[in-house]
C-alpha atoms as a PDB file:
ATOM      1  CA  MET A   1       0.000   0.000   0.000  1.00  0.00           C
ATOM      2  CA  GLY A   2       2.912   2.325   0.668  1.00  0.00           C
ATOM      3  CA  GLN A   3       4.212   1.963  -2.880  1.00  0.00           C
ATOM      4  CA  LEU A   4       0.719   2.480  -4.290  1.00  0.00           C
ATOM      5  CA  ASN A   5       0.348   5.624  -2.203  1.00  0.00           C
ATOM      6  CA  GLU A   6       3.716   6.932  -3.484  1.00  0.00           C
ATOM      7  CA  TYR A   7       2.706   6.140  -7.063  1.00  0.00           C
ATOM      8  CA  LEU A   8      -0.592   7.991  -6.652  1.00  0.00           C
ATOM      9  CA  GLY A   9       1.247  11.023  -5.265  1.00  0.00           C
ATOM     10  CA  PHE A  10       3.600  11.141  -8.257  1.00  0.00           C
ATOM     11  CA  PHE A  11       0.667  10.444 -10.596  1.00  0.00           C
ATOM     12  CA  GLU A  12      -1.195  13.446  -9.203  1.00  0.00           C
ATOM     13  CA  LYS A  13       1.837  15.706  -9.707  1.00  0.00           C
ATOM     14  CA  ALA A  14       2.376  14.490 -13.292  1.00  0.00           C
ATOM     15  CA  ASN A  15      -1.326  14.833 -14.045  1.00  0.00           C
ATOM     16  CA  LYS A  16      -1.197  18.565 -13.286  1.00  0.00           C
ATOM     17  CA  ARG A  17       0.429  19.045 -16.697  1.00  0.00           C
ATOM     18  CA  LEU A  18      -2.105  17.050 -18.726  1.00  0.00           C
ATOM     19  CA  ARG A  19      -5.135  17.581 -16.499  1.00  0.00           C
ATOM     20  CA  ASN A  20      -6.675  14.274 -17.487  1.00  0.00           C
ATOM     21  CA  GLU A  21      -6.103  11.112 -15.452  1.00  0.00           C
ATOM     22  CA  GLU A  22      -7.005   8.833 -18.345  1.00  0.00           C
ATOM     23  CA  ILE A  23      -4.319  10.346 -20.565  1.00  0.00           C
ATOM     24  CA  THR A  24      -1.726  10.381 -17.783  1.00  0.00           C
ATOM     25  CA  GLU A  25      -2.465   6.698 -17.189  1.00  0.00           C
ATOM     26  CA  LEU A  26      -1.929   6.059 -20.920  1.00  0.00           C
ATOM     27  CA  LEU A  27       1.642   7.357 -20.581  1.00  0.00           C
ATOM     28  CA  CYS A  28       2.280   4.699 -17.931  1.00  0.00           C
ATOM     29  CA  ARG A  29       0.528   1.919 -19.811  1.00  0.00           C
ATOM     30  CA  LEU A  30       2.442   2.657 -23.018  1.00  0.00           C
ATOM     31  CA  ASP A  31       5.686   3.099 -21.035  1.00  0.00           C
ATOM     32  CA  LEU A  32       6.647   6.443 -22.589  1.00  0.00           C
ATOM     33  CA  ALA A  33       9.673   6.939 -20.369  1.00  0.00           C
ATOM     34  CA  ARG A  34      12.811   7.002 -22.525  1.00  0.00           C
ATOM     35  CA  ARG A  35      14.151   9.551 -24.963  1.00  0.00           C
ATOM     36  CA  GLY A  36      14.139   6.823 -27.616  1.00  0.00           C
ATOM     37  CA  ASP A  37      10.350   6.689 -27.288  1.00  0.00           C
ATOM     38  CA  PHE A  38      10.303  10.199 -28.802  1.00  0.00           C
ATOM     39  CA  GLU A  39      13.102   9.856 -31.369  1.00  0.00           C
ATOM     40  CA  GLY A  40      12.944   8.602 -34.926  1.00  0.00           C
ATOM     41  CA  LEU A  41      14.152   9.546 -38.363  1.00  0.00           C
ATOM     42  CA  GLY A  42      11.537  10.090 -41.015  1.00  0.00           C
ATOM     43  CA  ALA A  43       8.608   8.597 -39.110  1.00  0.00           C
ATOM     44  CA  PRO A  44       7.265   8.957 -35.576  1.00  0.00           C
ATOM     45  CA  PRO A  45       8.244   6.254 -33.070  1.00  0.00           C
ATOM     46  CA  ALA A  46       5.879   3.314 -32.617  1.00  0.00           C
ATOM     47  CA  LYS A  47       4.874   4.277 -29.071  1.00  0.00           C
ATOM     48  CA  LEU A  48       3.793   7.756 -30.168  1.00  0.00           C
ATOM     49  CA  VAL A  49       1.830   6.289 -33.078  1.00  0.00           C
ATOM     50  CA  LYS A  50       0.118   3.963 -30.590  1.00  0.00           C
ATOM     51  CA  LEU A  51      -0.572   6.876 -28.225  1.00  0.00           C
ATOM     52  CA  HIS A  52      -2.097   8.870 -31.095  1.00  0.00           C
ATOM     53  CA  ALA A  53      -4.358   5.920 -31.966  1.00  0.00           C
ATOM     54  CA  GLU A  54      -5.449   5.609 -28.323  1.00  0.00           C
ATOM     55  CA  LEU A  55      -6.153   9.342 -28.108  1.00  0.00           C
ATOM     56  CA  GLU A  56      -8.191   9.176 -31.315  1.00  0.00           C
ATOM     57  CA  LYS A  57     -10.370   6.470 -29.710  1.00  0.00           C
ATOM     58  CA  ILE A  58     -11.168   8.632 -26.682  1.00  0.00           C
ATOM     59  CA  SER A  59     -11.072  12.108 -28.255  1.00  0.00           C
ATOM     60  CA  ARG A  60     -14.796  12.262 -28.966  1.00  0.00           C
ATOM     61  CA  ARG A  61     -15.761  11.130 -25.462  1.00  0.00           C
ATOM     62  CA  LEU A  62     -13.297  13.597 -23.881  1.00  0.00           C
ATOM     63  CA  GLN A  63     -14.483  16.294 -26.310  1.00  0.00           C
ATOM     64  CA  PHE A  64     -11.059  17.279 -27.649  1.00  0.00           C
ATOM     65  CA  LYS A  65     -11.220  20.376 -29.800  1.00  0.00           C
ATOM     66  CA  ALA A  66      -8.215  19.141 -31.812  1.00  0.00           C
ATOM     67  CA  LEU A  67      -5.771  16.260 -31.975  1.00  0.00           C
ATOM     68  CA  ARG A  68      -2.704  16.622 -34.171  1.00  0.00           C
ATOM     69  CA  LYS A  69      -0.645  13.837 -35.658  1.00  0.00           C
ATOM     70  CA  PRO A  70       2.838  13.434 -34.149  1.00  0.00           C
ATOM     71  CA  GLU A  71       5.103  16.325 -35.150  1.00  0.00           C
ATOM     72  CA  TYR A  72       8.884  16.414 -35.448  1.00  0.00           C
ATOM     73  CA  ASP A  73      10.868  19.102 -33.609  1.00  0.00           C
ATOM     74  CA  GLU A  74      14.019  19.801 -35.619  1.00  0.00           C
ATOM     75  CA  GLU A  75      15.693  21.720 -32.804  1.00  0.00           C
ATOM     76  CA  HIS A  76      15.429  18.916 -30.223  1.00  0.00           C
ATOM     77  CA  GLN A  77      15.303  16.082 -32.763  1.00  0.00           C
ATOM     78  CA  THR A  78      12.298  14.490 -31.062  1.00  0.00           C
ATOM     79  CA  TRP A  79       8.646  13.893 -31.850  1.00  0.00           C
ATOM     80  CA  SER A  80       5.703  15.247 -29.884  1.00  0.00           C
ATOM     81  CA  LEU A  81       1.954  14.907 -29.840  1.00  0.00           C
ATOM     82  CA  THR A  82      -0.378  17.848 -29.214  1.00  0.00           C
ATOM     83  CA  PHE A  83      -4.090  18.038 -28.497  1.00  0.00           C
ATOM     84  CA  GLN A  84      -6.574  20.660 -27.364  1.00  0.00           C
ATOM     85  CA  ASP A  85      -8.671  19.552 -24.431  1.00  0.00           C
ATOM     86  CA  ASN A  86     -12.375  20.317 -24.048  1.00  0.00           C
ATOM     87  CA  GLN A  87     -11.516  23.706 -22.517  1.00  0.00           C
ATOM     88  CA  GLY A  88      -9.398  24.678 -25.529  1.00  0.00           C
ATOM     89  CA  ALA A  89      -6.082  24.402 -23.643  1.00  0.00           C
ATOM     90  CA  GLU A  90      -3.231  22.983 -25.689  1.00  0.00           C
ATOM     91  CA  ARG A  91      -1.537  19.946 -24.101  1.00  0.00           C
ATOM     92  CA  ARG A  92       1.740  18.534 -25.400  1.00  0.00           C
ATOM     93  CA  ILE A  93       3.143  15.081 -24.815  1.00  0.00           C
ATOM     94  CA  ASP A  94       6.849  15.185 -25.565  1.00  0.00           C
ATOM     95  CA  TRP A  95      10.266  14.319 -24.179  1.00  0.00           C
ATOM     96  CA  ASN A  96      10.184  17.478 -22.063  1.00  0.00           C
ATOM     97  CA  LEU A  97       7.106  16.150 -20.258  1.00  0.00           C
ATOM     98  CA  ALA A  98       8.359  12.554 -20.018  1.00  0.00           C
ATOM     99  CA  SER A  99      11.731  13.642 -18.636  1.00  0.00           C
ATOM    100  CA  SER A 100      10.244  15.888 -15.941  1.00  0.00           C
ATOM    101  CA  PRO A 101      11.019  14.736 -12.385  1.00  0.00           C
ATOM    102  CA  GLU A 102       7.374  14.048 -11.562  1.00  0.00           C
ATOM    103  CA  CYS A 103       6.867  11.887 -14.664  1.00  0.00           C
ATOM    104  CA  ARG A 104      10.117  10.003 -14.138  1.00  0.00           C
ATOM    105  CA  GLN A 105       9.160   9.223 -10.534  1.00  0.00           C
ATOM    106  CA  MET A 106       5.633   8.229 -11.579  1.00  0.00           C
ATOM    107  CA  MET A 107       7.003   5.845 -14.225  1.00  0.00           C
ATOM    108  CA  ALA A 108       9.549   4.326 -11.830  1.00  0.00           C
ATOM    109  CA  LYS A 109       6.834   3.602  -9.252  1.00  0.00           C
ATOM    110  CA  HIS A 110       4.512   2.294 -11.965  1.00  0.00           C
ATOM    111  CA  HIS A 111       7.182  -0.209 -13.036  1.00  0.00           C
ATOM    112  CA  GLN A 112       7.414  -1.465  -9.457  1.00  0.00           C
ATOM    113  CA  ILE A 113       3.689  -2.012  -8.946  1.00  0.00           C
ATOM    114  CA  ARG A 114       2.181  -2.432 -12.427  1.00  0.00           C
ATOM    115  CA  GLU A 115       1.136  -6.049 -11.853  1.00  0.00           C
ATOM    116  CA  GLU A 116      -0.797  -5.022  -8.745  1.00  0.00           C
ATOM    117  CA  LEU A 117      -2.664  -2.353 -10.721  1.00  0.00           C
ATOM    118  CA  GLU A 118      -4.389  -4.919 -12.960  1.00  0.00           C
ATOM    119  CA  PRO A 119      -7.653  -6.539 -11.828  1.00  0.00           C
ATOM    120  CA  PRO A 120      -8.738  -8.768 -10.219  1.00  0.00           C
ATOM    121  CA  PHE A 121      -7.707  -7.064  -7.012  1.00  0.00           C
ATOM    122  CA  VAL A 122      -7.158  -9.059  -3.859  1.00  0.00           C
ATOM    123  CA  ILE A 123      -7.284  -7.390  -0.472  1.00  0.00           C
ATOM    124  CA  GLU A 124      -5.522  -9.179   2.353  1.00  0.00           C
ATOM    125  CA  TYR A 125      -5.576  -8.114   5.960  1.00  0.00           C
ATOM    126  CA  ALA A 126      -4.247  -9.594   9.156  1.00  0.00           C
END
């Protein structure tokens, strides 16, 4: 429970940037944690393509105003994905976000407890 509580604390901090728990959880599920997940010559990396597909599935329900295809940033030589949430705020998923301390800590904790996050849940007490 202690590790879960730590994970939830880091999750909450990371979620302040995206302001959507479902999307923040997608970052963990797709394991977008390494610079290589945002790098690629000529075509976006597979994990970002998968993230875009997942966001397309939920964009109508979450009432996105826009969802752009992955874009390449020449200056940083990485790919990013941008969407406008239902309030019109632009949210960017990129290496800058993934490398932030809160996201790195969230991902590290997620790796430690990911099996316990999948149902069925078992509660034991003594």
